[in-house]
């Protein structure tokens, strides 16, 4: 019952996000043919080379990328779209447990023989399924757009693009799970959904500001932000295999901690019917 209710409540939001992101992805992929032009690529490379090392790092351009390679180009654009995907993942978590209490449906749920831990579990499973469907649709559509928008005379290997997309989206899946777990923790503390979406957007934006500031200034902060989900599971790192195992383990621990805290807090939460 709870699983179905949660899935239906997030389905419309998922479709809306997919449509918005596909428009953005389509526009960015439409620029790919420009990268195949040697003069344009030379101008772009010269512009990137003219930037200072710290500024390039702050913009997420520290890795050497072959923009004529479709897989690497997709990874390049998705390192920015990953910010929006993180917002979506955190929002569906942050709205979950507070929704029924905010809308007044919690009494109906408790009229059925179900424990609080079961509510969390079913909602979590529903959110995970929603997020996986979201990424699968986005990945398939990205592949289709990449094939359609690539000039016919360009040498692209569809099989390689599929492999590259799998690597990129595995990273997005892992990163999204971490933000979703934080969202669930926020939802376990909230009694209304009036501010949860705003909190999710603000949290991700603060992450981005810290990442940019840390990369530009370096030092201890840079070492810390290198373990943030958006950095550990950065698409180009997933594609080239330069990701940090330590960073992955740290994010796994963060995910487990916030999910456990969600169960503990929600089990003791005062629910006003």
Protein backbone atom coordinates (compact mmCIF):
# COMPACT_ATOMS: atom_id res chain seq x y z
CA UNK A 1 0.00 0.00 0.00
CA UNK A 2 2.64 2.55 1.07
CA UNK A 3 4.91 1.51 -1.80
CA UNK A 4 2.20 2.15 -4.39
CA UNK A 5 1.17 5.46 -2.81
CA UNK A 6 4.76 6.71 -2.79
CA UNK A 7 5.44 5.60 -6.36
CA UNK A 8 2.30 7.31 -7.68
CA UNK A 9 3.12 10.52 -5.81
CA UNK A 10 6.63 10.75 -7.28
CA UNK A 11 5.86 9.50 -10.80
CA UNK A 12 4.64 12.84 -12.13
CA UNK A 13 7.61 14.65 -10.65
CA UNK A 14 9.95 12.13 -12.27
CA UNK A 15 8.39 12.66 -15.71
CA UNK A 16 8.67 16.44 -15.37
CA UNK A 17 12.36 16.21 -14.42
CA UNK A 18 13.08 13.82 -17.29
CA UNK A 19 11.52 16.18 -19.84
CA UNK A 20 13.45 19.19 -18.53
CA UNK A 21 16.77 17.34 -18.43
CA UNK A 22 16.30 15.82 -21.89
CA UNK A 23 15.77 19.27 -23.37
CA UNK A 24 19.00 20.40 -21.69
CA UNK A 25 20.90 17.28 -22.79
CA UNK A 26 19.59 17.65 -26.33
CA UNK A 27 20.74 21.26 -26.55
CA UNK A 28 24.22 20.40 -25.26
CA UNK A 29 24.58 17.36 -27.53
CA UNK A 30 23.57 19.52 -30.47
CA UNK A 31 26.84 21.39 -29.93
CA UNK A 32 28.89 18.21 -30.41
CA UNK A 33 29.29 18.62 -34.21
CA UNK A 34 31.07 21.91 -33.50
CA UNK A 35 33.71 19.97 -31.57
CA UNK A 36 34.42 17.91 -34.67
CA UNK A 37 35.45 21.06 -36.52
CA UNK A 38 39.22 21.41 -36.07
CA UNK A 39 39.14 25.22 -35.99
CA UNK A 40 36.39 25.33 -33.38
CA UNK A 41 38.10 22.66 -31.28
CA UNK A 42 41.39 24.56 -31.50
CA UNK A 43 39.71 27.77 -30.32
CA UNK A 44 38.00 25.98 -27.44
CA UNK A 45 41.21 24.22 -26.37
CA UNK A 46 43.09 27.52 -26.52
CA UNK A 47 40.46 29.17 -24.33
CA UNK A 48 40.68 26.37 -21.75
CA UNK A 49 44.50 26.51 -21.80
CA UNK A 50 44.41 30.26 -21.14
CA UNK A 51 42.62 29.77 -17.83
CA UNK A 52 44.58 29.46 -14.62
CA UNK A 53 44.91 26.01 -13.06
CA UNK A 54 42.82 26.93 -10.01
CA UNK A 55 40.09 28.53 -12.13
CA UNK A 56 39.93 25.51 -14.44
CA UNK A 57 39.69 23.29 -11.39
CA UNK A 58 36.87 25.40 -9.97
CA UNK A 59 34.93 25.06 -13.22
CA UNK A 60 35.44 21.29 -13.24
CA UNK A 61 37.82 21.38 -16.20
CA UNK A 62 40.90 19.99 -14.49
CA UNK A 63 40.70 16.61 -16.25
CA UNK A 64 41.99 16.38 -19.82
CA UNK A 65 38.99 15.63 -22.04
CA UNK A 66 38.88 14.72 -25.71
CA UNK A 67 35.76 16.63 -26.77
CA UNK A 68 35.70 14.87 -30.15
CA UNK A 69 35.10 11.57 -28.35
CA UNK A 70 31.35 11.17 -27.91
CA UNK A 71 31.64 9.22 -24.65
CA UNK A 72 33.93 11.80 -23.07
CA UNK A 73 31.78 14.65 -24.37
CA UNK A 74 28.70 13.08 -22.75
CA UNK A 75 30.66 12.71 -19.49
CA UNK A 76 31.69 16.36 -19.77
CA UNK A 77 28.11 17.67 -20.04
CA UNK A 78 26.78 15.26 -17.42
CA UNK A 79 29.22 16.51 -14.79
CA UNK A 80 27.09 19.67 -14.75
CA UNK A 81 23.72 17.97 -15.22
CA UNK A 82 24.69 15.73 -12.26
CA UNK A 83 23.98 18.73 -10.02
CA UNK A 84 20.33 18.77 -11.13
CA UNK A 85 20.10 15.00 -10.83
CA UNK A 86 21.39 15.23 -7.25
CA UNK A 87 18.65 17.79 -6.51
CA UNK A 88 15.99 15.44 -7.88
CA UNK A 89 17.31 12.48 -5.87
CA UNK A 90 17.40 14.49 -2.64
CA UNK A 91 13.96 15.97 -3.25
CA UNK A 92 12.20 12.62 -3.64
CA UNK A 93 13.83 11.56 -0.37
CA UNK A 94 13.10 14.81 1.45
CA UNK A 95 9.41 14.75 0.50
CA UNK A 96 8.82 11.10 1.32
CA UNK A 97 8.23 10.70 5.06
CA UNK A 98 6.85 14.20 5.63
CA UNK A 99 4.29 14.03 2.81
CA UNK A 100 1.52 12.05 4.51
CA UNK A 101 1.74 14.05 7.74
CA UNK A 102 1.72 17.30 5.77
CA UNK A 103 -1.28 16.23 3.67
CA UNK A 104 -3.13 14.62 6.57
CA UNK A 105 -2.95 11.06 5.19
CA UNK A 106 -0.93 9.60 8.04
CA UNK A 107 -4.06 8.56 9.97
CA UNK A 108 -5.21 6.46 7.02
CA UNK A 109 -1.82 4.72 6.85
CA UNK A 110 -1.87 3.93 10.55
CA UNK A 111 -5.38 2.50 10.29
CA UNK A 112 -3.62 -0.43 8.58
CA UNK A 113 -1.41 -2.95 10.42
CA UNK A 114 1.98 -1.45 9.52
CA UNK A 115 4.95 -0.39 11.59
CA UNK A 116 7.00 2.77 11.17
CA UNK A 117 10.02 0.81 9.99
CA UNK A 118 7.85 -0.81 7.29
CA UNK A 119 6.70 2.65 6.17
CA UNK A 120 10.30 3.80 5.80
CA UNK A 121 11.31 0.60 4.01
CA UNK A 122 8.46 0.68 1.51
CA UNK A 123 8.93 4.36 0.79
CA UNK A 124 12.68 3.87 0.38
CA UNK A 125 12.19 0.98 -2.04
CA UNK A 126 9.70 3.05 -4.02
CA UNK A 127 12.13 5.98 -4.20
CA UNK A 128 14.96 3.70 -5.30
CA UNK A 129 12.76 2.23 -8.06
CA UNK A 130 11.69 5.71 -9.17
CA UNK A 131 15.28 6.90 -9.31
CA UNK A 132 16.44 3.83 -11.25
CA UNK A 133 13.63 4.26 -13.81
CA UNK A 134 14.53 7.96 -14.03
CA UNK A 135 18.18 7.17 -14.84
CA UNK A 136 17.37 4.34 -17.27
CA UNK A 137 15.01 6.55 -19.28
CA UNK A 138 17.56 9.36 -19.23
CA UNK A 139 20.37 7.04 -20.35
CA UNK A 140 18.36 5.48 -23.20
CA UNK A 141 17.17 8.89 -24.38
CA UNK A 142 20.74 10.25 -24.19
CA UNK A 143 21.95 7.39 -26.38
CA UNK A 144 19.19 8.08 -28.90
CA UNK A 145 19.97 11.80 -28.98
CA UNK A 146 23.70 11.11 -29.33
CA UNK A 147 23.11 8.88 -32.37
CA UNK A 148 20.59 11.23 -34.00
CA UNK A 149 22.55 14.45 -33.44
CA UNK A 150 25.94 13.08 -34.50
CA UNK A 151 26.84 13.89 -38.14
CA UNK A 152 26.57 10.85 -40.39
CA UNK A 153 30.18 11.16 -41.51
CA UNK A 154 31.44 11.11 -37.89
CA UNK A 155 33.14 7.94 -36.72
CA UNK A 156 31.23 6.83 -33.62
CA UNK A 157 30.89 3.31 -32.24
CA UNK A 158 27.46 2.71 -30.77
CA UNK A 159 28.67 -0.20 -28.64
CA UNK A 160 31.34 1.99 -27.06
CA UNK A 161 28.80 4.73 -26.35
CA UNK A 162 26.61 2.20 -24.53
CA UNK A 163 29.58 1.08 -22.39
CA UNK A 164 30.49 4.70 -21.62
CA UNK A 165 26.89 5.53 -20.68
CA UNK A 166 26.77 2.57 -18.29
CA UNK A 167 29.92 3.80 -16.52
CA UNK A 168 28.61 7.36 -16.30
CA UNK A 169 25.17 6.38 -15.04
CA UNK A 170 26.51 3.93 -12.45
CA UNK A 171 28.24 6.95 -10.93
CA UNK A 172 25.06 9.02 -11.10
CA UNK A 173 23.16 6.16 -9.45
CA UNK A 174 25.62 5.98 -6.56
CA UNK A 175 25.78 9.74 -6.11
CA UNK A 176 21.98 10.01 -6.17
CA UNK A 177 21.60 7.33 -3.50
CA UNK A 178 23.81 9.34 -1.15
CA UNK A 179 21.77 12.51 -1.65
CA UNK A 180 18.54 10.54 -1.38
CA UNK A 181 19.63 9.15 2.00
CA UNK A 182 20.30 12.69 3.23
CA UNK A 183 16.90 13.69 1.91
CA UNK A 184 15.25 10.86 3.84
CA UNK A 185 16.94 12.03 7.02
CA UNK A 186 15.65 15.57 6.42
CA UNK A 187 12.16 14.16 5.80
CA UNK A 188 12.27 12.15 9.04
CA UNK A 189 12.81 15.43 10.92
CA UNK A 190 10.17 17.40 9.01
CA UNK A 191 6.45 17.67 9.65
CA UNK A 192 5.66 19.42 6.39
CA UNK A 193 6.82 19.34 2.78
CA UNK A 194 6.55 23.12 2.40
CA UNK A 195 10.30 23.61 2.70
CA UNK A 196 11.84 20.22 1.94
CA UNK A 197 12.33 20.85 -1.78
CA UNK A 198 13.91 24.23 -1.09
CA UNK A 199 16.19 22.67 1.52
CA UNK A 200 17.26 20.03 -1.03
CA UNK A 201 18.14 22.62 -3.66
CA UNK A 202 19.97 24.76 -1.10
CA UNK A 203 21.93 21.78 0.25
CA UNK A 204 23.17 20.76 -3.20
CA UNK A 205 24.03 24.37 -4.10
CA UNK A 206 26.05 24.72 -0.89
CA UNK A 207 27.88 21.53 -1.88
CA UNK A 208 28.71 23.10 -5.26
CA UNK A 209 29.92 26.34 -3.68
CA UNK A 210 32.15 24.42 -1.29
CA UNK A 211 33.53 22.31 -4.16
CA UNK A 212 34.36 25.40 -6.24
CA UNK A 213 35.83 27.28 -3.28
CA UNK A 214 37.84 24.23 -2.18
CA UNK A 215 39.28 23.62 -5.64
CA UNK A 216 40.28 27.25 -6.11
CA UNK A 217 41.85 27.67 -2.68
CA UNK A 218 43.23 24.14 -2.23
CA UNK A 219 44.53 22.94 1.12
CA UNK A 220 42.54 20.94 3.64
CA UNK A 221 39.17 21.99 2.22
CA UNK A 222 40.14 20.57 -1.18
CA UNK A 223 40.97 17.21 0.43
CA UNK A 224 37.56 17.25 2.10
CA UNK A 225 35.51 18.20 -0.95
CA UNK A 226 37.28 15.53 -3.02
CA UNK A 227 35.21 13.05 -1.00
CA UNK A 228 31.88 14.75 -1.79
CA UNK A 229 29.56 12.54 -3.87
CA UNK A 230 29.54 14.88 -6.86
CA UNK A 231 33.35 14.68 -6.98
CA UNK A 232 33.84 11.00 -6.15
CA UNK A 233 31.29 9.88 -8.75
CA UNK A 234 32.12 12.59 -11.30
CA UNK A 235 31.17 11.22 -14.77
CA UNK A 236 34.58 11.74 -16.38
CA UNK A 237 36.26 9.96 -13.45
CA UNK A 238 33.86 7.04 -13.76
CA UNK A 239 34.53 6.92 -17.50
CA UNK A 240 38.33 6.98 -17.23
CA UNK A 241 38.55 4.83 -14.09
CA UNK A 242 40.31 7.52 -12.04
CA UNK A 243 37.78 7.43 -9.20
CA UNK A 244 38.88 7.08 -5.58
CA UNK A 245 38.13 3.80 -3.80
CA UNK A 246 38.51 5.60 -0.44
CA UNK A 247 36.01 8.21 -1.59
CA UNK A 248 33.54 5.51 -2.61
CA UNK A 249 33.86 3.81 0.80
CA UNK A 250 33.35 7.13 2.60
CA UNK A 251 30.17 7.78 0.62
CA UNK A 252 28.95 4.26 1.33
CA UNK A 253 29.39 4.93 5.05
CA UNK A 254 27.55 8.26 4.70
CA UNK A 255 24.67 6.52 2.94
CA UNK A 256 24.37 3.83 5.61
CA UNK A 257 24.58 6.34 8.47
CA UNK A 258 21.82 8.59 7.12
CA UNK A 259 19.53 5.65 6.34
CA UNK A 260 20.01 4.28 9.88
CA UNK A 261 19.39 7.73 11.36
CA UNK A 262 16.22 7.98 9.28
CA UNK A 263 14.86 4.75 10.80
CA UNK A 264 15.83 5.82 14.33
CA UNK A 265 14.43 9.35 14.11
CA UNK A 266 11.19 8.37 12.37
CA UNK A 267 10.57 5.58 14.88
CA UNK A 268 10.59 8.14 17.70
CA UNK A 269 8.94 10.96 15.79
CA UNK A 270 5.74 12.46 17.17
CA UNK A 271 3.08 12.14 14.49
CA UNK A 272 0.06 14.37 14.89
CA UNK A 273 -2.99 12.91 13.22
